[in-house]
Amino acid sequence: MSDWIRESLHPDYAQSLRVDEMLYDSKTDHQRLKVFQNGTFGRVLTLDDVVQTTEGDNFIYHEMLTHVPILAHGAAKRVLIIGGGDGGMAREVLRHDTVEHVTMVEIDAGVVDFSKEYLPMLSAGAFDDPRLDLVIADGAEFIRHTEGGYDVITVDSTDPIGPGEVLFSDTFYGHAKRALTEDGVLVTQNGVPFLQGQELHNTMRAFTALFVDATCYLATIPTYAGGPMAFGWGTDGLARSTPLEVLQGRFDATGITPGYYTPQVHQAAFALPGYVTKLLP
């Protein structure tokens, strides 16, 4: 098994990916980064041997965390990304010509640097877009002190272990809400609820206390194994009730050709199976 990476995120469940070629393996001040080639998924990025993103299926994750809140909001001009050092989230946000400014806060400069070199297809030039303001800082500290005014905040975090743990706290969510505009939308990465149910439950408990509209939506991403992934959704506005025909009109106006997102998938993603609904407060 020396040519395989075994992921150890869950205590009693694991997946393995074949390493056809190890392209990068180095430890930064925060975590161990690896990039390797896999026959099915192309280039794969892991942090401490936990899969973060892949060349093959990253479009699903990035499209659903980006286009759902932006198109539901309908007038998002300022977007904040917490995390997302590989540049995939910035790539998708900047495909919206109506977005005027994107702040991206990444704790680890090493992730950005090696992503530019080893995973340039993920950012696809996003780091060179003049609308992007890249800030190397702790996302929790940044959100604590920011003046806010963001229409959409996307938390593209690692799992709640190590440096990503603070991004799942009630305090962080409270500061994020303060940084939103009146009808702004906060979306978060909340893991695979079949295996990480407590993670989603804790976030939804916090969101329910903070927002008028608090729920989650789902997408199936092959390398995040164990069932569909959940994305937290919180807003005091009416974005989630945007009619399908309005979503379709906004989507058509973008000229974007996604690989996963459609307005129909957007609406259907909020239809939750019973076991997920039970995790909501």
C-alpha atoms as a PDB file:
ATOM      1  CA  MET A   1       0.000   0.000   0.000  1.00  0.00           C
ATOM      2  CA  SER A   2       3.039   2.306  -0.207  1.00  0.00           C
ATOM      3  CA  ASP A   3       1.653   3.951  -3.339  1.00  0.00           C
ATOM      4  CA  TRP A   4      -1.639   4.878  -1.654  1.00  0.00           C
ATOM      5  CA  ILE A   5      -2.655   7.715   0.668  1.00  0.00           C
ATOM      6  CA  ARG A   6      -5.030   6.623   3.434  1.00  0.00           C
ATOM      7  CA  GLU A   7      -7.200   9.399   4.788  1.00  0.00           C
ATOM      8  CA  SER A   8      -7.720   9.276   8.553  1.00  0.00           C
ATOM      9  CA  LEU A   9     -10.315  11.978   9.119  1.00  0.00           C
ATOM     10  CA  HIS A  10     -12.921   9.651  10.650  1.00  0.00           C
ATOM     11  CA  PRO A  11     -12.237   7.228  13.528  1.00  0.00           C
ATOM     12  CA  ASP A  12     -13.933   4.173  11.979  1.00  0.00           C
ATOM     13  CA  TYR A  13     -14.105   4.908   8.256  1.00  0.00           C
ATOM     14  CA  ALA A  14     -11.379   5.715   5.741  1.00  0.00           C
ATOM     15  CA  GLN A  15     -10.849   6.131   2.033  1.00  0.00           C
ATOM     16  CA  SER A  16      -7.657   5.633   0.058  1.00  0.00           C
ATOM     17  CA  LEU A  17      -6.365   7.253  -3.115  1.00  0.00           C
ATOM     18  CA  ARG A  18      -3.602   5.897  -5.310  1.00  0.00           C
ATOM     19  CA  VAL A  19      -0.529   8.075  -5.615  1.00  0.00           C
ATOM     20  CA  ASP A  20       0.649   7.813  -9.201  1.00  0.00           C
ATOM     21  CA  GLU A  21       3.268  10.511  -8.620  1.00  0.00           C
ATOM     22  CA  MET A  22       4.062  12.626  -5.551  1.00  0.00           C
ATOM     23  CA  LEU A  23       4.519  16.187  -6.775  1.00  0.00           C
ATOM     24  CA  TYR A  24       4.904  18.086  -3.490  1.00  0.00           C
ATOM     25  CA  ASP A  25       5.372  17.074   0.137  1.00  0.00           C
ATOM     26  CA  SER A  26       6.327  19.678   2.721  1.00  0.00           C
ATOM     27  CA  LYS A  27       5.408  20.838   6.216  1.00  0.00           C
ATOM     28  CA  THR A  28       4.558  24.500   6.799  1.00  0.00           C
ATOM     29  CA  ASP A  29       4.167  26.286  10.129  1.00  0.00           C
ATOM     30  CA  HIS A  30       0.535  25.135  10.234  1.00  0.00           C
ATOM     31  CA  GLN A  31       0.174  21.779   8.474  1.00  0.00           C
ATOM     32  CA  ARG A  32       1.690  19.197   6.125  1.00  0.00           C
ATOM     33  CA  LEU A  33       0.891  19.791   2.474  1.00  0.00           C
ATOM     34  CA  LYS A  34       0.933  17.168  -0.233  1.00  0.00           C
ATOM     35  CA  VAL A  35       0.026  17.294  -3.903  1.00  0.00           C
ATOM     36  CA  PHE A  36      -0.001  14.084  -5.900  1.00  0.00           C
ATOM     37  CA  GLN A  37      -1.265  12.803  -9.227  1.00  0.00           C
ATOM     38  CA  ASN A  38      -4.170  10.341  -9.313  1.00  0.00           C
ATOM     39  CA  GLY A  39      -5.510   8.632 -12.421  1.00  0.00           C
ATOM     40  CA  THR A  40      -9.160   9.486 -11.772  1.00  0.00           C
ATOM     41  CA  PHE A  41      -9.029  12.804  -9.923  1.00  0.00           C
ATOM     42  CA  GLY A  42      -5.930  14.381 -11.449  1.00  0.00           C
ATOM     43  CA  ARG A  43      -3.938  16.455  -9.001  1.00  0.00           C
ATOM     44  CA  VAL A  44      -5.008  15.994  -5.372  1.00  0.00           C
ATOM     45  CA  LEU A  45      -4.263  18.355  -2.481  1.00  0.00           C
ATOM     46  CA  THR A  46      -4.154  16.995   1.076  1.00  0.00           C
ATOM     47  CA  LEU A  47      -3.502  18.745   4.384  1.00  0.00           C
ATOM     48  CA  ASP A  48      -2.254  16.351   7.055  1.00  0.00           C
ATOM     49  CA  ASP A  49      -3.344  13.529   4.710  1.00  0.00           C
ATOM     50  CA  VAL A  50      -6.965  14.751   4.589  1.00  0.00           C
ATOM     51  CA  VAL A  51      -8.224  15.455   1.066  1.00  0.00           C
ATOM     52  CA  GLN A  52      -8.958  19.147   0.569  1.00  0.00           C
ATOM     53  CA  THR A  53      -9.599  19.433  -3.144  1.00  0.00           C
ATOM     54  CA  THR A  54      -8.879  17.718  -6.431  1.00  0.00           C
ATOM     55  CA  GLU A  55      -8.450  18.797 -10.004  1.00  0.00           C
ATOM     56  CA  GLY A  56     -11.210  16.404 -11.041  1.00  0.00           C
ATOM     57  CA  ASP A  57     -14.161  17.216  -8.767  1.00  0.00           C
ATOM     58  CA  ASN A  58     -13.404  20.586  -7.142  1.00  0.00           C
ATOM     59  CA  PHE A  59     -15.883  22.292  -9.440  1.00  0.00           C
ATOM     60  CA  ILE A  60     -18.832  20.804  -7.537  1.00  0.00           C
ATOM     61  CA  TYR A  61     -17.737  22.144  -4.161  1.00  0.00           C
ATOM     62  CA  HIS A  62     -16.650  25.548  -5.418  1.00  0.00           C
ATOM     63  CA  GLU A  63     -19.698  26.126  -7.621  1.00  0.00           C
ATOM     64  CA  MET A  64     -22.189  25.237  -4.895  1.00  0.00           C
ATOM     65  CA  LEU A  65     -20.541  27.367  -2.212  1.00  0.00           C
ATOM     66  CA  THR A  66     -20.337  30.296  -4.638  1.00  0.00           C
ATOM     67  CA  HIS A  67     -23.247  30.427  -7.051  1.00  0.00           C
ATOM     68  CA  VAL A  68     -25.985  29.446  -4.588  1.00  0.00           C
ATOM     69  CA  PRO A  69     -25.568  32.471  -2.263  1.00  0.00           C
ATOM     70  CA  ILE A  70     -24.566  34.952  -4.982  1.00  0.00           C
ATOM     71  CA  LEU A  71     -27.440  34.152  -7.330  1.00  0.00           C
ATOM     72  CA  ALA A  72     -29.931  33.852  -4.474  1.00  0.00           C
ATOM     73  CA  HIS A  73     -28.878  37.264  -3.157  1.00  0.00           C
ATOM     74  CA  GLY A  74     -29.118  38.806  -6.599  1.00  0.00           C
ATOM     75  CA  ALA A  75     -27.112  41.976  -5.952  1.00  0.00           C
ATOM     76  CA  ALA A  76     -23.877  40.853  -4.296  1.00  0.00           C
ATOM     77  CA  LYS A  77     -21.069  43.326  -4.899  1.00  0.00           C
ATOM     78  CA  ARG A  78     -18.722  42.649  -1.974  1.00  0.00           C
ATOM     79  CA  VAL A  79     -17.771  39.069  -1.097  1.00  0.00           C
ATOM     80  CA  LEU A  80     -15.566  37.749   1.711  1.00  0.00           C
ATOM     81  CA  ILE A  81     -13.897  34.348   1.469  1.00  0.00           C
ATOM     82  CA  ILE A  82     -12.434  32.878   4.658  1.00  0.00           C
ATOM     83  CA  GLY A  83      -9.888  30.221   3.683  1.00  0.00           C
ATOM     84  CA  GLY A  84      -9.803  28.971   0.128  1.00  0.00           C
ATOM     85  CA  GLY A  85      -6.037  29.229  -0.307  1.00  0.00           C
ATOM     86  CA  ASP A  86      -6.071  27.081  -3.434  1.00  0.00           C
ATOM     87  CA  GLY A  87      -7.942  29.858  -5.256  1.00  0.00           C
ATOM     88  CA  GLY A  88     -10.876  27.755  -6.449  1.00  0.00           C
ATOM     89  CA  MET A  89     -13.471  29.733  -4.521  1.00  0.00           C
ATOM     90  CA  ALA A  90     -12.070  33.046  -5.742  1.00  0.00           C
ATOM     91  CA  ARG A  91     -12.155  31.655  -9.287  1.00  0.00           C
ATOM     92  CA  GLU A  92     -15.881  31.001  -9.114  1.00  0.00           C
ATOM     93  CA  VAL A  93     -16.778  34.243  -7.309  1.00  0.00           C
ATOM     94  CA  LEU A  94     -14.872  36.328  -9.850  1.00  0.00           C
ATOM     95  CA  ARG A  95     -16.791  34.730 -12.709  1.00  0.00           C
ATOM     96  CA  HIS A  96     -19.620  37.042 -11.620  1.00  0.00           C
ATOM     97  CA  ASP A  97     -18.982  40.368 -13.359  1.00  0.00           C
ATOM     98  CA  THR A  98     -21.402  42.061 -10.953  1.00  0.00           C
ATOM     99  CA  VAL A  99     -19.080  41.327  -7.999  1.00  0.00           C
ATOM    100  CA  GLU A 100     -16.920  44.411  -7.545  1.00  0.00           C
ATOM    101  CA  HIS A 101     -14.620  43.384  -4.700  1.00  0.00           C
ATOM    102  CA  VAL A 102     -13.513  40.086  -3.160  1.00  0.00           C
ATOM    103  CA  THR A 103     -11.549  39.841   0.086  1.00  0.00           C
ATOM    104  CA  MET A 104      -9.890  36.467   0.581  1.00  0.00           C
ATOM    105  CA  VAL A 105      -8.401  35.729   4.013  1.00  0.00           C
ATOM    106  CA  GLU A 106      -6.063  32.718   4.155  1.00  0.00           C
ATOM    107  CA  ILE A 107      -4.065  31.824   7.256  1.00  0.00           C
ATOM    108  CA  ASP A 108      -1.300  29.938   5.461  1.00  0.00           C
ATOM    109  CA  ALA A 109       0.714  31.739   2.782  1.00  0.00           C
ATOM    110  CA  GLY A 110       2.322  28.394   1.938  1.00  0.00           C
ATOM    111  CA  VAL A 111      -1.003  27.058   0.661  1.00  0.00           C
ATOM    112  CA  VAL A 112      -1.361  29.978  -1.733  1.00  0.00           C
ATOM    113  CA  ASP A 113       2.218  29.773  -2.977  1.00  0.00           C
ATOM    114  CA  PHE A 114       2.266  26.080  -3.736  1.00  0.00           C
ATOM    115  CA  SER A 115      -1.275  26.162  -5.172  1.00  0.00           C
ATOM    116  CA  LYS A 116      -0.118  28.746  -7.699  1.00  0.00           C
ATOM    117  CA  GLU A 117       2.718  26.437  -8.697  1.00  0.00           C
ATOM    118  CA  TYR A 118       1.196  22.971  -8.408  1.00  0.00           C
ATOM    119  CA  LEU A 119      -2.563  23.604  -8.792  1.00  0.00           C
ATOM    120  CA  PRO A 120      -2.814  26.598 -11.143  1.00  0.00           C
ATOM    121  CA  MET A 121      -5.884  25.115 -12.809  1.00  0.00           C
ATOM    122  CA  LEU A 122      -7.848  25.666  -9.596  1.00  0.00           C
ATOM    123  CA  SER A 123      -7.342  29.419  -9.392  1.00  0.00           C
ATOM    124  CA  ALA A 124      -7.330  29.864 -13.200  1.00  0.00           C
ATOM    125  CA  GLY A 125      -5.895  33.369 -12.929  1.00  0.00           C
ATOM    126  CA  ALA A 126      -8.011  34.513  -9.980  1.00  0.00           C
ATOM    127  CA  PHE A 127      -4.980  35.703  -8.013  1.00  0.00           C
ATOM    128  CA  ASP A 128      -4.232  38.201 -10.814  1.00  0.00           C
ATOM    129  CA  ASP A 129      -7.728  39.697 -10.866  1.00  0.00           C
ATOM    130  CA  PRO A 130      -7.605  43.330  -9.632  1.00  0.00           C
ATOM    131  CA  ARG A 131     -10.900  42.816  -7.796  1.00  0.00           C
ATOM    132  CA  LEU A 132      -9.231  40.309  -5.432  1.00  0.00           C
ATOM    133  CA  ASP A 133      -7.651  41.482  -2.183  1.00  0.00           C
ATOM    134  CA  LEU A 134      -5.628  38.589  -0.713  1.00  0.00           C
ATOM    135  CA  VAL A 135      -5.002  38.906   3.035  1.00  0.00           C
ATOM    136  CA  ILE A 136      -2.694  36.457   4.817  1.00  0.00           C
ATOM    137  CA  ALA A 137      -4.164  36.356   8.307  1.00  0.00           C
ATOM    138  CA  ASP A 138      -6.176  34.309  10.774  1.00  0.00           C
ATOM    139  CA  GLY A 139      -9.765  34.377   9.511  1.00  0.00           C
ATOM    140  CA  ALA A 140     -11.201  34.489  13.026  1.00  0.00           C
ATOM    141  CA  GLU A 141      -9.087  37.496  13.936  1.00  0.00           C
ATOM    142  CA  PHE A 142      -9.876  39.238  10.655  1.00  0.00           C
ATOM    143  CA  ILE A 143     -13.627  38.822  11.071  1.00  0.00           C
ATOM    144  CA  ARG A 144     -13.381  40.095  14.641  1.00  0.00           C
ATOM    145  CA  HIS A 145     -11.956  43.421  13.493  1.00  0.00           C
ATOM    146  CA  THR A 146     -13.400  43.926  10.010  1.00  0.00           C
ATOM    147  CA  GLU A 147     -15.788  46.796   9.383  1.00  0.00           C
ATOM    148  CA  GLY A 148     -17.930  44.414   7.372  1.00  0.00           C
ATOM    149  CA  GLY A 149     -20.399  45.430   4.716  1.00  0.00           C
ATOM    150  CA  TYR A 150     -20.174  42.127   2.840  1.00  0.00           C
ATOM    151  CA  ASP A 151     -23.126  40.858   0.823  1.00  0.00           C
ATOM    152  CA  VAL A 152     -21.886  37.258   0.898  1.00  0.00           C
ATOM    153  CA  ILE A 153     -19.424  35.586   3.269  1.00  0.00           C
ATOM    154  CA  THR A 154     -18.162  32.126   2.336  1.00  0.00           C
ATOM    155  CA  VAL A 155     -16.275  30.062   4.884  1.00  0.00           C
ATOM    156  CA  ASP A 156     -14.129  27.668   2.855  1.00  0.00           C
ATOM    157  CA  SER A 157     -12.500  26.069   5.863  1.00  0.00           C
ATOM    158  CA  THR A 158     -10.773  22.813   6.619  1.00  0.00           C
ATOM    159  CA  ASP A 159     -12.481  20.422   9.037  1.00  0.00           C
ATOM    160  CA  PRO A 160     -12.806  21.575  12.681  1.00  0.00           C
ATOM    161  CA  ILE A 161      -9.416  20.280  13.713  1.00  0.00           C
ATOM    162  CA  GLY A 162      -6.135  22.186  13.973  1.00  0.00           C
ATOM    163  CA  PRO A 163      -6.146  25.729  12.560  1.00  0.00           C
ATOM    164  CA  GLY A 164      -9.684  25.371  11.184  1.00  0.00           C
ATOM    165  CA  GLU A 165     -11.330  24.608  14.527  1.00  0.00           C
ATOM    166  CA  VAL A 166     -11.934  28.245  15.519  1.00  0.00           C
ATOM    167  CA  LEU A 167     -13.949  28.819  12.314  1.00  0.00           C
ATOM    168  CA  PHE A 168     -16.727  26.617  13.717  1.00  0.00           C
ATOM    169  CA  SER A 169     -17.249  28.512  16.977  1.00  0.00           C
ATOM    170  CA  ASP A 170     -20.323  30.483  18.021  1.00  0.00           C
ATOM    171  CA  THR A 171     -18.123  33.544  18.493  1.00  0.00           C
ATOM    172  CA  PHE A 172     -16.826  33.358  14.942  1.00  0.00           C
ATOM    173  CA  TYR A 173     -20.341  33.036  13.525  1.00  0.00           C
ATOM    174  CA  GLY A 174     -21.475  36.017  15.569  1.00  0.00           C
ATOM    175  CA  HIS A 175     -18.678  38.162  14.188  1.00  0.00           C
ATOM    176  CA  ALA A 176     -19.451  36.938  10.665  1.00  0.00           C
ATOM    177  CA  LYS A 177     -23.066  38.004  11.013  1.00  0.00           C
ATOM    178  CA  ARG A 178     -21.966  41.458  12.108  1.00  0.00           C
ATOM    179  CA  ALA A 179     -19.806  41.690   8.974  1.00  0.00           C
ATOM    180  CA  LEU A 180     -22.793  41.073   6.678  1.00  0.00           C
ATOM    181  CA  THR A 181     -25.057  43.645   5.088  1.00  0.00           C
ATOM    182  CA  GLU A 182     -28.678  43.668   6.238  1.00  0.00           C
ATOM    183  CA  ASP A 183     -29.766  40.993   3.750  1.00  0.00           C
ATOM    184  CA  GLY A 184     -26.334  39.367   3.395  1.00  0.00           C
ATOM    185  CA  VAL A 185     -25.807  35.601   3.267  1.00  0.00           C
ATOM    186  CA  LEU A 186     -23.324  33.474   5.224  1.00  0.00           C
ATOM    187  CA  VAL A 187     -22.465  30.032   3.847  1.00  0.00           C
ATOM    188  CA  THR A 188     -20.140  27.499   5.448  1.00  0.00           C
ATOM    189  CA  GLN A 189     -18.523  24.146   4.762  1.00  0.00           C
ATOM    190  CA  ASN A 190     -20.027  21.675   7.237  1.00  0.00           C
ATOM    191  CA  GLY A 191     -18.671  18.295   6.311  1.00  0.00           C
ATOM    192  CA  VAL A 192     -20.478  15.060   5.493  1.00  0.00           C
ATOM    193  CA  PRO A 193     -23.418  14.873   7.929  1.00  0.00           C
ATOM    194  CA  PHE A 194     -23.715  11.090   7.845  1.00  0.00           C
ATOM    195  CA  LEU A 195     -20.239  10.881   9.370  1.00  0.00           C
ATOM    196  CA  GLN A 196     -19.878  14.345  10.918  1.00  0.00           C
ATOM    197  CA  GLY A 197     -23.376  15.022  12.188  1.00  0.00           C
ATOM    198  CA  GLN A 198     -22.299  16.877  15.318  1.00  0.00           C
ATOM    199  CA  GLU A 199     -20.376  19.389  13.218  1.00  0.00           C
ATOM    200  CA  LEU A 200     -23.506  20.324  11.266  1.00  0.00           C
ATOM    201  CA  HIS A 201     -25.715  20.296  14.369  1.00  0.00           C
ATOM    202  CA  ASN A 202     -23.430  22.690  16.231  1.00  0.00           C
ATOM    203  CA  THR A 203     -23.321  25.123  13.326  1.00  0.00           C
ATOM    204  CA  MET A 204     -27.084  24.994  12.831  1.00  0.00           C
ATOM    205  CA  ARG A 205     -27.647  25.616  16.533  1.00  0.00           C
ATOM    206  CA  ALA A 206     -25.522  28.749  16.294  1.00  0.00           C
ATOM    207  CA  PHE A 207     -27.154  29.863  13.030  1.00  0.00           C
ATOM    208  CA  THR A 208     -30.652  29.408  14.447  1.00  0.00           C
ATOM    209  CA  ALA A 209     -29.800  31.797  17.267  1.00  0.00           C
ATOM    210  CA  LEU A 210     -28.311  34.356  14.886  1.00  0.00           C
ATOM    211  CA  PHE A 211     -30.380  34.346  11.701  1.00  0.00           C
ATOM    212  CA  VAL A 212     -34.015  34.573  10.669  1.00  0.00           C
ATOM    213  CA  ASP A 213     -33.383  31.950   7.979  1.00  0.00           C
ATOM    214  CA  ALA A 214     -31.004  29.197   9.117  1.00  0.00           C
ATOM    215  CA  THR A 215     -30.664  25.857   7.334  1.00  0.00           C
ATOM    216  CA  CYS A 216     -28.263  23.921   5.134  1.00  0.00           C
ATOM    217  CA  TYR A 217     -28.113  22.588   1.604  1.00  0.00           C
ATOM    218  CA  LEU A 218     -26.362  19.579   0.063  1.00  0.00           C
ATOM    219  CA  ALA A 219     -24.101  18.539  -2.793  1.00  0.00           C
ATOM    220  CA  THR A 220     -22.443  15.215  -3.580  1.00  0.00           C
ATOM    221  CA  ILE A 221     -18.686  15.487  -4.055  1.00  0.00           C
ATOM    222  CA  PRO A 222     -16.940  12.156  -4.764  1.00  0.00           C
ATOM    223  CA  THR A 223     -13.720  12.730  -2.809  1.00  0.00           C
ATOM    224  CA  TYR A 224     -15.612  13.898   0.295  1.00  0.00           C
ATOM    225  CA  ALA A 225     -16.729  10.345   0.916  1.00  0.00           C
ATOM    226  CA  GLY A 226     -19.544   9.109   3.128  1.00  0.00           C
ATOM    227  CA  GLY A 227     -22.575  10.772   1.553  1.00  0.00           C
ATOM    228  CA  PRO A 228     -23.495  14.300   0.461  1.00  0.00           C
ATOM    229  CA  MET A 229     -21.698  17.307   1.937  1.00  0.00           C
ATOM    230  CA  ALA A 230     -23.630  19.945   3.860  1.00  0.00           C
ATOM    231  CA  PHE A 231     -23.241  23.698   3.489  1.00  0.00           C
ATOM    232  CA  GLY A 232     -24.567  25.943   6.241  1.00  0.00           C
ATOM    233  CA  TRP A 233     -26.874  28.794   5.201  1.00  0.00           C
ATOM    234  CA  GLY A 234     -27.709  31.833   7.311  1.00  0.00           C
ATOM    235  CA  THR A 235     -29.385  35.137   6.409  1.00  0.00           C
ATOM    236  CA  ASP A 236     -31.918  37.642   7.685  1.00  0.00           C
ATOM    237  CA  GLY A 237     -33.102  38.250   4.115  1.00  0.00           C
ATOM    238  CA  LEU A 238     -35.380  36.410   1.708  1.00  0.00           C
ATOM    239  CA  ALA A 239     -32.691  35.036  -0.611  1.00  0.00           C
ATOM    240  CA  ARG A 240     -33.661  31.386  -0.162  1.00  0.00           C
ATOM    241  CA  SER A 241     -37.207  32.045  -1.408  1.00  0.00           C
ATOM    242  CA  THR A 242     -36.028  33.493  -4.746  1.00  0.00           C
ATOM    243  CA  PRO A 243     -38.317  31.964  -7.419  1.00  0.00           C
ATOM    244  CA  LEU A 244     -36.830  29.553  -9.941  1.00  0.00           C
ATOM    245  CA  GLU A 245     -37.559  31.833 -12.881  1.00  0.00           C
ATOM    246  CA  VAL A 246     -35.674  34.671 -11.176  1.00  0.00           C
ATOM    247  CA  LEU A 247     -32.715  32.414 -10.440  1.00  0.00           C
ATOM    248  CA  GLN A 248     -32.746  31.273 -14.056  1.00  0.00           C
ATOM    249  CA  GLY A 249     -32.738  34.836 -15.337  1.00  0.00           C
ATOM    250  CA  ARG A 250     -29.847  35.827 -13.083  1.00  0.00           C
ATOM    251  CA  PHE A 251     -27.927  32.699 -14.046  1.00  0.00           C
ATOM    252  CA  ASP A 252     -28.457  33.223 -17.775  1.00  0.00           C
ATOM    253  CA  ALA A 253     -27.212  36.805 -17.450  1.00  0.00           C
ATOM    254  CA  THR A 254     -23.863  35.640 -16.050  1.00  0.00           C
ATOM    255  CA  GLY A 255     -22.892  33.665 -19.132  1.00  0.00           C
ATOM    256  CA  ILE A 256     -21.280  31.105 -16.806  1.00  0.00           C
ATOM    257  CA  THR A 257     -21.232  27.461 -17.917  1.00  0.00           C
ATOM    258  CA  PRO A 258     -20.800  25.420 -14.714  1.00  0.00           C
ATOM    259  CA  GLY A 259     -20.189  21.705 -14.537  1.00  0.00           C
ATOM    260  CA  TYR A 260     -22.610  21.078 -11.645  1.00  0.00           C
ATOM    261  CA  TYR A 261     -24.663  24.129 -10.699  1.00  0.00           C
ATOM    262  CA  THR A 262     -28.006  24.838 -12.322  1.00  0.00           C
ATOM    263  CA  PRO A 263     -30.903  26.867 -10.902  1.00  0.00           C
ATOM    264  CA  GLN A 264     -32.861  23.619 -10.604  1.00  0.00           C
ATOM    265  CA  VAL A 265     -30.043  21.956  -8.631  1.00  0.00           C
ATOM    266  CA  HIS A 266     -29.841  25.140  -6.533  1.00  0.00           C
ATOM    267  CA  GLN A 267     -33.433  24.821  -5.366  1.00  0.00           C
ATOM    268  CA  ALA A 268     -33.322  21.039  -4.975  1.00  0.00           C
ATOM    269  CA  ALA A 269     -30.199  21.245  -2.788  1.00  0.00           C
ATOM    270  CA  PHE A 270     -32.316  22.673   0.053  1.00  0.00           C
ATOM    271  CA  ALA A 271     -34.564  19.566   0.084  1.00  0.00           C
ATOM    272  CA  LEU A 272     -33.055  17.613   2.979  1.00  0.00           C
ATOM    273  CA  PRO A 273     -33.312  13.887   3.737  1.00  0.00           C
ATOM    274  CA  GLY A 274     -34.690  12.858   7.093  1.00  0.00           C
ATOM    275  CA  TYR A 275     -31.391  12.045   8.763  1.00  0.00           C
ATOM    276  CA  VAL A 276     -30.064  15.515   7.947  1.00  0.00           C
ATOM    277  CA  THR A 277     -33.252  17.276   9.048  1.00  0.00           C
ATOM    278  CA  LYS A 278     -32.910  15.569  12.454  1.00  0.00           C
ATOM    279  CA  LEU A 279     -29.538  17.266  12.913  1.00  0.00           C
ATOM    280  CA  LEU A 280     -31.109  20.715  12.654  1.00  0.00           C
ATOM    281  CA  PRO A 281     -32.277  22.249  15.955  1.00  0.00           C
END
